[in-house]
Amino acid sequence: MEPTYQRGDRIIWERVDGSEVRRGDVVVFSMPGRYRAEGVFMQRVIGVGGDRVACCTAVGSEERVTVNGKPVKEPYVYEGDADGLHRPYDVKVPQGRLFLMGDHRSDSVDSRFFAADHGGTVPVDAVRGRVTDDRTGPVLLGTALLVGGLLVLTGAGLGVAALVVRRRKAPTVPPAPWPMRPVQG
């Protein structure tokens, strides 16, 4: 998924089912049996059910992925390489399925490689979530942890102070030995 995400980057994703994703979303999905490695994968949604995804009839820099006949603007593609394979494909995405591609097209094993299996598409129920670009999550978590830590330290300090104060005997005022009467004289 370079250049959008680098190896080792931490990502934030929200759990959604496949019916909630749109073209351009980066999704986390699992496809046991299709890929050699088990686990989850991350790729970008290029086409949804009913779309026609095609590439590449032009040569060189004019290669563009098209969805329903319209070129897709892809500023996120690694080094501007729209396809990476340099071989044409034309896929009608079946309903309930997604056409997925990595952003580093020449180094991504994605829907283009599995044309014999439903045009390389992935079922929507394989989607586990959508990657969010919202960076406020970690900031809020860090702030909450910092405030929580300060509150715990403050509470511990007040608790120790209360124990110390409670163990000391309260100063008492000695009673007057005898009531005093004014001297008359």
C-alpha atoms as a PDB file:
ATOM      1  CA  MET A   1       0.000   0.000   0.000  1.00  0.00           C
ATOM      2  CA  GLU A   2       2.967   2.314  -0.461  1.00  0.00           C
ATOM      3  CA  PRO A   3       3.102   5.274  -0.633  1.00  0.00           C
ATOM      4  CA  THR A   4      -0.097   5.731   1.393  1.00  0.00           C
ATOM      5  CA  TYR A   5       1.038   3.390   4.160  1.00  0.00           C
ATOM      6  CA  GLN A   6       4.597   2.226   4.784  1.00  0.00           C
ATOM      7  CA  ARG A   7       5.678  -1.129   6.183  1.00  0.00           C
ATOM      8  CA  GLY A   8       5.452  -0.912   9.971  1.00  0.00           C
ATOM      9  CA  ASP A   9       2.873   1.902  10.019  1.00  0.00           C
ATOM     10  CA  ARG A  10       0.144   1.559  12.584  1.00  0.00           C
ATOM     11  CA  ILE A  11      -3.304   1.956  11.138  1.00  0.00           C
ATOM     12  CA  ILE A  12      -6.669   2.684  12.651  1.00  0.00           C
ATOM     13  CA  TRP A  13      -9.645   0.888  11.205  1.00  0.00           C
ATOM     14  CA  GLU A  14     -13.282   0.717  12.101  1.00  0.00           C
ATOM     15  CA  ARG A  15     -15.331  -2.443  11.919  1.00  0.00           C
ATOM     16  CA  VAL A  16     -17.797  -2.285   9.050  1.00  0.00           C
ATOM     17  CA  ASP A  17     -19.340  -4.854   6.827  1.00  0.00           C
ATOM     18  CA  GLY A  18     -18.605  -4.821   3.118  1.00  0.00           C
ATOM     19  CA  SER A  19     -21.876  -3.155   2.183  1.00  0.00           C
ATOM     20  CA  GLU A  20     -20.730   0.073   3.891  1.00  0.00           C
ATOM     21  CA  VAL A  21     -17.561   0.589   1.841  1.00  0.00           C
ATOM     22  CA  ARG A  22     -17.275   2.924  -1.134  1.00  0.00           C
ATOM     23  CA  ARG A  23     -14.907   3.301  -4.059  1.00  0.00           C
ATOM     24  CA  GLY A  24     -11.596   4.726  -2.858  1.00  0.00           C
ATOM     25  CA  ASP A  25     -11.864   3.309   0.679  1.00  0.00           C
ATOM     26  CA  VAL A  26      -8.955   1.279   2.017  1.00  0.00           C
ATOM     27  CA  VAL A  27     -10.314  -1.911   3.561  1.00  0.00           C
ATOM     28  CA  VAL A  28      -8.976  -4.671   5.772  1.00  0.00           C
ATOM     29  CA  PHE A  29     -10.164  -8.094   4.621  1.00  0.00           C
ATOM     30  CA  SER A  30      -9.405 -11.788   4.831  1.00  0.00           C
ATOM     31  CA  MET A  31      -9.576 -14.298   1.993  1.00  0.00           C
ATOM     32  CA  PRO A  32      -8.549 -17.715   3.298  1.00  0.00           C
ATOM     33  CA  GLY A  33      -7.572 -19.968   0.437  1.00  0.00           C
ATOM     34  CA  ARG A  34      -6.899 -17.262  -2.165  1.00  0.00           C
ATOM     35  CA  TYR A  35      -3.641 -15.862  -0.880  1.00  0.00           C
ATOM     36  CA  ARG A  36      -0.698 -18.020   0.137  1.00  0.00           C
ATOM     37  CA  ALA A  37      -0.525 -16.417   3.567  1.00  0.00           C
ATOM     38  CA  GLU A  38      -3.366 -16.514   6.052  1.00  0.00           C
ATOM     39  CA  GLY A  39      -4.378 -13.399   7.936  1.00  0.00           C
ATOM     40  CA  VAL A  40      -5.709 -10.016   6.967  1.00  0.00           C
ATOM     41  CA  PHE A  41      -4.807  -7.850   4.000  1.00  0.00           C
ATOM     42  CA  MET A  42      -5.250  -4.173   3.201  1.00  0.00           C
ATOM     43  CA  GLN A  43      -6.192  -2.876  -0.255  1.00  0.00           C
ATOM     44  CA  ARG A  44      -8.142  -0.064  -1.883  1.00  0.00           C
ATOM     45  CA  VAL A  45     -11.678  -0.489  -3.249  1.00  0.00           C
ATOM     46  CA  ILE A  46     -11.636   0.311  -6.968  1.00  0.00           C
ATOM     47  CA  GLY A  47     -15.009  -1.121  -7.969  1.00  0.00           C
ATOM     48  CA  VAL A  48     -18.201  -2.213  -6.209  1.00  0.00           C
ATOM     49  CA  GLY A  49     -21.027  -4.470  -7.385  1.00  0.00           C
ATOM     50  CA  GLY A  50     -22.269  -3.455 -10.839  1.00  0.00           C
ATOM     51  CA  ASP A  51     -19.125  -1.497 -11.817  1.00  0.00           C
ATOM     52  CA  ARG A  52     -17.011  -2.234 -14.872  1.00  0.00           C
ATOM     53  CA  VAL A  53     -13.291  -1.889 -14.054  1.00  0.00           C
ATOM     54  CA  ALA A  54     -10.856  -1.775 -16.961  1.00  0.00           C
ATOM     55  CA  CYS A  55      -7.255  -0.958 -17.778  1.00  0.00           C
ATOM     56  CA  CYS A  56      -4.982  -0.527 -19.839  1.00  0.00           C
ATOM     57  CA  THR A  57      -5.404   0.087 -23.507  1.00  0.00           C
ATOM     58  CA  ALA A  58      -3.001   3.032 -23.759  1.00  0.00           C
ATOM     59  CA  VAL A  59       0.759   2.728 -23.419  1.00  0.00           C
ATOM     60  CA  GLY A  60       3.077   4.393 -20.914  1.00  0.00           C
ATOM     61  CA  SER A  61       1.945   7.299 -18.793  1.00  0.00           C
ATOM     62  CA  GLU A  62      -1.471   7.311 -20.445  1.00  0.00           C
ATOM     63  CA  GLU A  63      -2.441   4.020 -18.777  1.00  0.00           C
ATOM     64  CA  ARG A  64      -5.416   4.710 -16.543  1.00  0.00           C
ATOM     65  CA  VAL A  65      -7.759   2.520 -14.573  1.00  0.00           C
ATOM     66  CA  THR A  66     -11.333   3.265 -15.577  1.00  0.00           C
ATOM     67  CA  VAL A  67     -14.535   2.580 -13.673  1.00  0.00           C
ATOM     68  CA  ASN A  68     -17.675   2.554 -15.806  1.00  0.00           C
ATOM     69  CA  GLY A  69     -15.684   4.126 -18.653  1.00  0.00           C
ATOM     70  CA  LYS A  70     -14.411   7.096 -16.618  1.00  0.00           C
ATOM     71  CA  PRO A  71     -10.721   7.441 -15.695  1.00  0.00           C
ATOM     72  CA  VAL A  72     -10.115   7.206 -11.956  1.00  0.00           C
ATOM     73  CA  LYS A  73      -8.057   9.979 -10.346  1.00  0.00           C
ATOM     74  CA  GLU A  74      -5.487   8.137  -8.262  1.00  0.00           C
ATOM     75  CA  PRO A  75      -3.040  10.526  -6.581  1.00  0.00           C
ATOM     76  CA  TYR A  76      -2.193   7.786  -4.071  1.00  0.00           C
ATOM     77  CA  VAL A  77      -0.683   5.381  -6.641  1.00  0.00           C
ATOM     78  CA  TYR A  78       3.024   4.652  -6.177  1.00  0.00           C
ATOM     79  CA  GLU A  79       5.139   6.586  -8.703  1.00  0.00           C
ATOM     80  CA  GLY A  80       2.053   7.244 -10.830  1.00  0.00           C
ATOM     81  CA  ASP A  81       2.003   3.665 -12.161  1.00  0.00           C
ATOM     82  CA  ALA A  82      -1.734   3.135 -12.670  1.00  0.00           C
ATOM     83  CA  ASP A  83      -1.490  -0.570 -13.419  1.00  0.00           C
ATOM     84  CA  GLY A  84       1.954  -2.061 -12.920  1.00  0.00           C
ATOM     85  CA  LEU A  85       1.082  -5.155 -14.994  1.00  0.00           C
ATOM     86  CA  HIS A  86       0.931  -3.520 -18.408  1.00  0.00           C
ATOM     87  CA  ARG A  87      -1.653  -6.011 -19.603  1.00  0.00           C
ATOM     88  CA  PRO A  88      -5.274  -5.135 -20.263  1.00  0.00           C
ATOM     89  CA  TYR A  89      -8.209  -6.342 -18.201  1.00  0.00           C
ATOM     90  CA  ASP A  90     -11.910  -5.621 -18.233  1.00  0.00           C
ATOM     91  CA  VAL A  91     -13.985  -6.894 -15.304  1.00  0.00           C
ATOM     92  CA  LYS A  92     -17.686  -6.534 -14.557  1.00  0.00           C
ATOM     93  CA  VAL A  93     -17.893  -6.617 -10.732  1.00  0.00           C
ATOM     94  CA  PRO A  94     -20.711  -8.949  -9.614  1.00  0.00           C
ATOM     95  CA  GLN A  95     -23.200  -7.708  -7.005  1.00  0.00           C
ATOM     96  CA  GLY A  96     -22.018  -8.402  -3.464  1.00  0.00           C
ATOM     97  CA  ARG A  97     -18.351  -8.301  -4.477  1.00  0.00           C
ATOM     98  CA  LEU A  98     -15.507  -5.739  -4.594  1.00  0.00           C
ATOM     99  CA  PHE A  99     -12.602  -5.172  -6.986  1.00  0.00           C
ATOM    100  CA  LEU A 100      -9.545  -4.346  -4.848  1.00  0.00           C
ATOM    101  CA  MET A 101      -6.073  -3.086  -5.752  1.00  0.00           C
ATOM    102  CA  GLY A 102      -2.988  -2.074  -3.787  1.00  0.00           C
ATOM    103  CA  ASP A 103      -1.550   1.436  -4.172  1.00  0.00           C
ATOM    104  CA  HIS A 104       1.873   0.028  -5.162  1.00  0.00           C
ATOM    105  CA  ARG A 105       0.487  -1.604  -8.294  1.00  0.00           C
ATOM    106  CA  SER A 106       3.641  -3.360  -9.485  1.00  0.00           C
ATOM    107  CA  ASP A 107       4.127  -4.956  -6.042  1.00  0.00           C
ATOM    108  CA  SER A 108       0.546  -5.856  -5.123  1.00  0.00           C
ATOM    109  CA  VAL A 109      -1.176  -9.207  -5.436  1.00  0.00           C
ATOM    110  CA  ASP A 110      -4.767  -8.081  -5.805  1.00  0.00           C
ATOM    111  CA  SER A 111      -7.954  -8.597  -7.833  1.00  0.00           C
ATOM    112  CA  ARG A 112      -6.054  -8.365 -11.136  1.00  0.00           C
ATOM    113  CA  PHE A 113      -4.311 -11.701 -10.446  1.00  0.00           C
ATOM    114  CA  PHE A 114      -7.405 -13.818  -9.823  1.00  0.00           C
ATOM    115  CA  ALA A 115      -9.480 -13.188 -12.946  1.00  0.00           C
ATOM    116  CA  ALA A 116     -10.692 -16.810 -13.056  1.00  0.00           C
ATOM    117  CA  ASP A 117     -12.288 -16.424  -9.602  1.00  0.00           C
ATOM    118  CA  HIS A 118     -15.297 -14.083 -10.105  1.00  0.00           C
ATOM    119  CA  GLY A 119     -13.129 -11.676 -12.088  1.00  0.00           C
ATOM    120  CA  GLY A 120     -10.703 -11.442  -9.184  1.00  0.00           C
ATOM    121  CA  THR A 121     -13.295  -9.803  -6.977  1.00  0.00           C
ATOM    122  CA  VAL A 122     -13.624 -10.278  -3.228  1.00  0.00           C
ATOM    123  CA  PRO A 123     -16.947 -10.987  -1.488  1.00  0.00           C
ATOM    124  CA  VAL A 124     -18.196  -8.091   0.651  1.00  0.00           C
ATOM    125  CA  ASP A 125     -18.484 -10.396   3.672  1.00  0.00           C
ATOM    126  CA  ALA A 126     -14.678 -10.880   3.588  1.00  0.00           C
ATOM    127  CA  VAL A 127     -14.279  -7.229   4.629  1.00  0.00           C
ATOM    128  CA  ARG A 128     -13.480  -6.788   8.311  1.00  0.00           C
ATOM    129  CA  GLY A 129     -13.192  -3.027   8.390  1.00  0.00           C
ATOM    130  CA  ARG A 130     -12.371   0.284   6.739  1.00  0.00           C
ATOM    131  CA  VAL A 131      -9.100   2.097   7.414  1.00  0.00           C
ATOM    132  CA  THR A 132      -9.682   5.613   8.697  1.00  0.00           C
ATOM    133  CA  ASP A 133      -7.389   8.564   8.141  1.00  0.00           C
ATOM    134  CA  ASP A 134      -8.660  10.108  11.354  1.00  0.00           C
ATOM    135  CA  ARG A 135      -5.591  10.809  13.482  1.00  0.00           C
ATOM    136  CA  THR A 136      -7.623  12.066  16.454  1.00  0.00           C
ATOM    137  CA  GLY A 137      -8.003   8.564  17.890  1.00  0.00           C
ATOM    138  CA  PRO A 138      -4.398   8.218  19.085  1.00  0.00           C
ATOM    139  CA  VAL A 139      -4.327  11.834  20.254  1.00  0.00           C
ATOM    140  CA  LEU A 140      -7.480  11.360  22.313  1.00  0.00           C
ATOM    141  CA  LEU A 141      -6.208   8.064  23.691  1.00  0.00           C
ATOM    142  CA  GLY A 142      -2.886   9.632  24.681  1.00  0.00           C
ATOM    143  CA  THR A 143      -4.629  12.589  26.297  1.00  0.00           C
ATOM    144  CA  ALA A 144      -7.011  10.300  28.189  1.00  0.00           C
ATOM    145  CA  LEU A 145      -4.102   8.194  29.446  1.00  0.00           C
ATOM    146  CA  LEU A 146      -2.189  11.293  30.559  1.00  0.00           C
ATOM    147  CA  VAL A 147      -5.180  12.796  32.375  1.00  0.00           C
ATOM    148  CA  GLY A 148      -6.020   9.420  33.900  1.00  0.00           C
ATOM    149  CA  GLY A 149      -2.445   8.990  35.127  1.00  0.00           C
ATOM    150  CA  LEU A 150      -2.467  12.457  36.696  1.00  0.00           C
ATOM    151  CA  LEU A 151      -5.779  11.735  38.414  1.00  0.00           C
ATOM    152  CA  VAL A 152      -4.461   8.441  39.795  1.00  0.00           C
ATOM    153  CA  LEU A 153      -1.322  10.146  41.147  1.00  0.00           C
ATOM    154  CA  THR A 154      -3.369  12.960  42.678  1.00  0.00           C
ATOM    155  CA  GLY A 155      -5.754  10.477  44.273  1.00  0.00           C
ATOM    156  CA  ALA A 156      -2.867   8.431  45.665  1.00  0.00           C
ATOM    157  CA  GLY A 157      -1.246  11.561  47.119  1.00  0.00           C
ATOM    158  CA  LEU A 158      -4.487  12.662  48.750  1.00  0.00           C
ATOM    159  CA  GLY A 159      -5.029   9.151  50.125  1.00  0.00           C
ATOM    160  CA  VAL A 160      -1.577   9.106  51.757  1.00  0.00           C
ATOM    161  CA  ALA A 161      -2.153  12.594  53.175  1.00  0.00           C
ATOM    162  CA  ALA A 162      -5.485  11.483  54.647  1.00  0.00           C
ATOM    163  CA  LEU A 163      -3.850   8.480  56.325  1.00  0.00           C
ATOM    164  CA  VAL A 164      -1.092  10.630  57.830  1.00  0.00           C
ATOM    165  CA  VAL A 165      -3.560  13.191  59.150  1.00  0.00           C
ATOM    166  CA  ARG A 166      -5.836  10.514  60.537  1.00  0.00           C
ATOM    167  CA  ARG A 167      -3.040   8.849  62.537  1.00  0.00           C
ATOM    168  CA  ARG A 168      -1.996  12.024  64.300  1.00  0.00           C
ATOM    169  CA  LYS A 169      -3.800  12.822  67.493  1.00  0.00           C
ATOM    170  CA  ALA A 170      -5.792  15.925  67.189  1.00  0.00           C
ATOM    171  CA  PRO A 171      -4.545  18.648  69.483  1.00  0.00           C
ATOM    172  CA  THR A 172      -6.874  19.144  72.406  1.00  0.00           C
ATOM    173  CA  VAL A 173      -7.410  22.254  74.445  1.00  0.00           C
ATOM    174  CA  PRO A 174      -6.943  21.461  78.131  1.00  0.00           C
ATOM    175  CA  PRO A 175      -9.965  22.291  80.206  1.00  0.00           C
ATOM    176  CA  ALA A 176      -9.736  25.159  82.616  1.00  0.00           C
ATOM    177  CA  PRO A 177      -8.900  23.740  86.073  1.00  0.00           C
ATOM    178  CA  TRP A 178     -11.442  25.793  88.011  1.00  0.00           C
ATOM    179  CA  PRO A 179     -13.817  28.349  86.944  1.00  0.00           C
ATOM    180  CA  MET A 180     -12.264  31.703  87.616  1.00  0.00           C
ATOM    181  CA  ARG A 181     -14.111  34.469  89.282  1.00  0.00           C
ATOM    182  CA  PRO A 182     -13.128  37.993  88.944  1.00  0.00           C
ATOM    183  CA  VAL A 183     -11.410  39.367  92.025  1.00  0.00           C
ATOM    184  CA  GLN A 184     -13.197  42.186  93.686  1.00  0.00           C
ATOM    185  CA  GLY A 185     -11.350  44.501  95.522  1.00  0.00           C
END
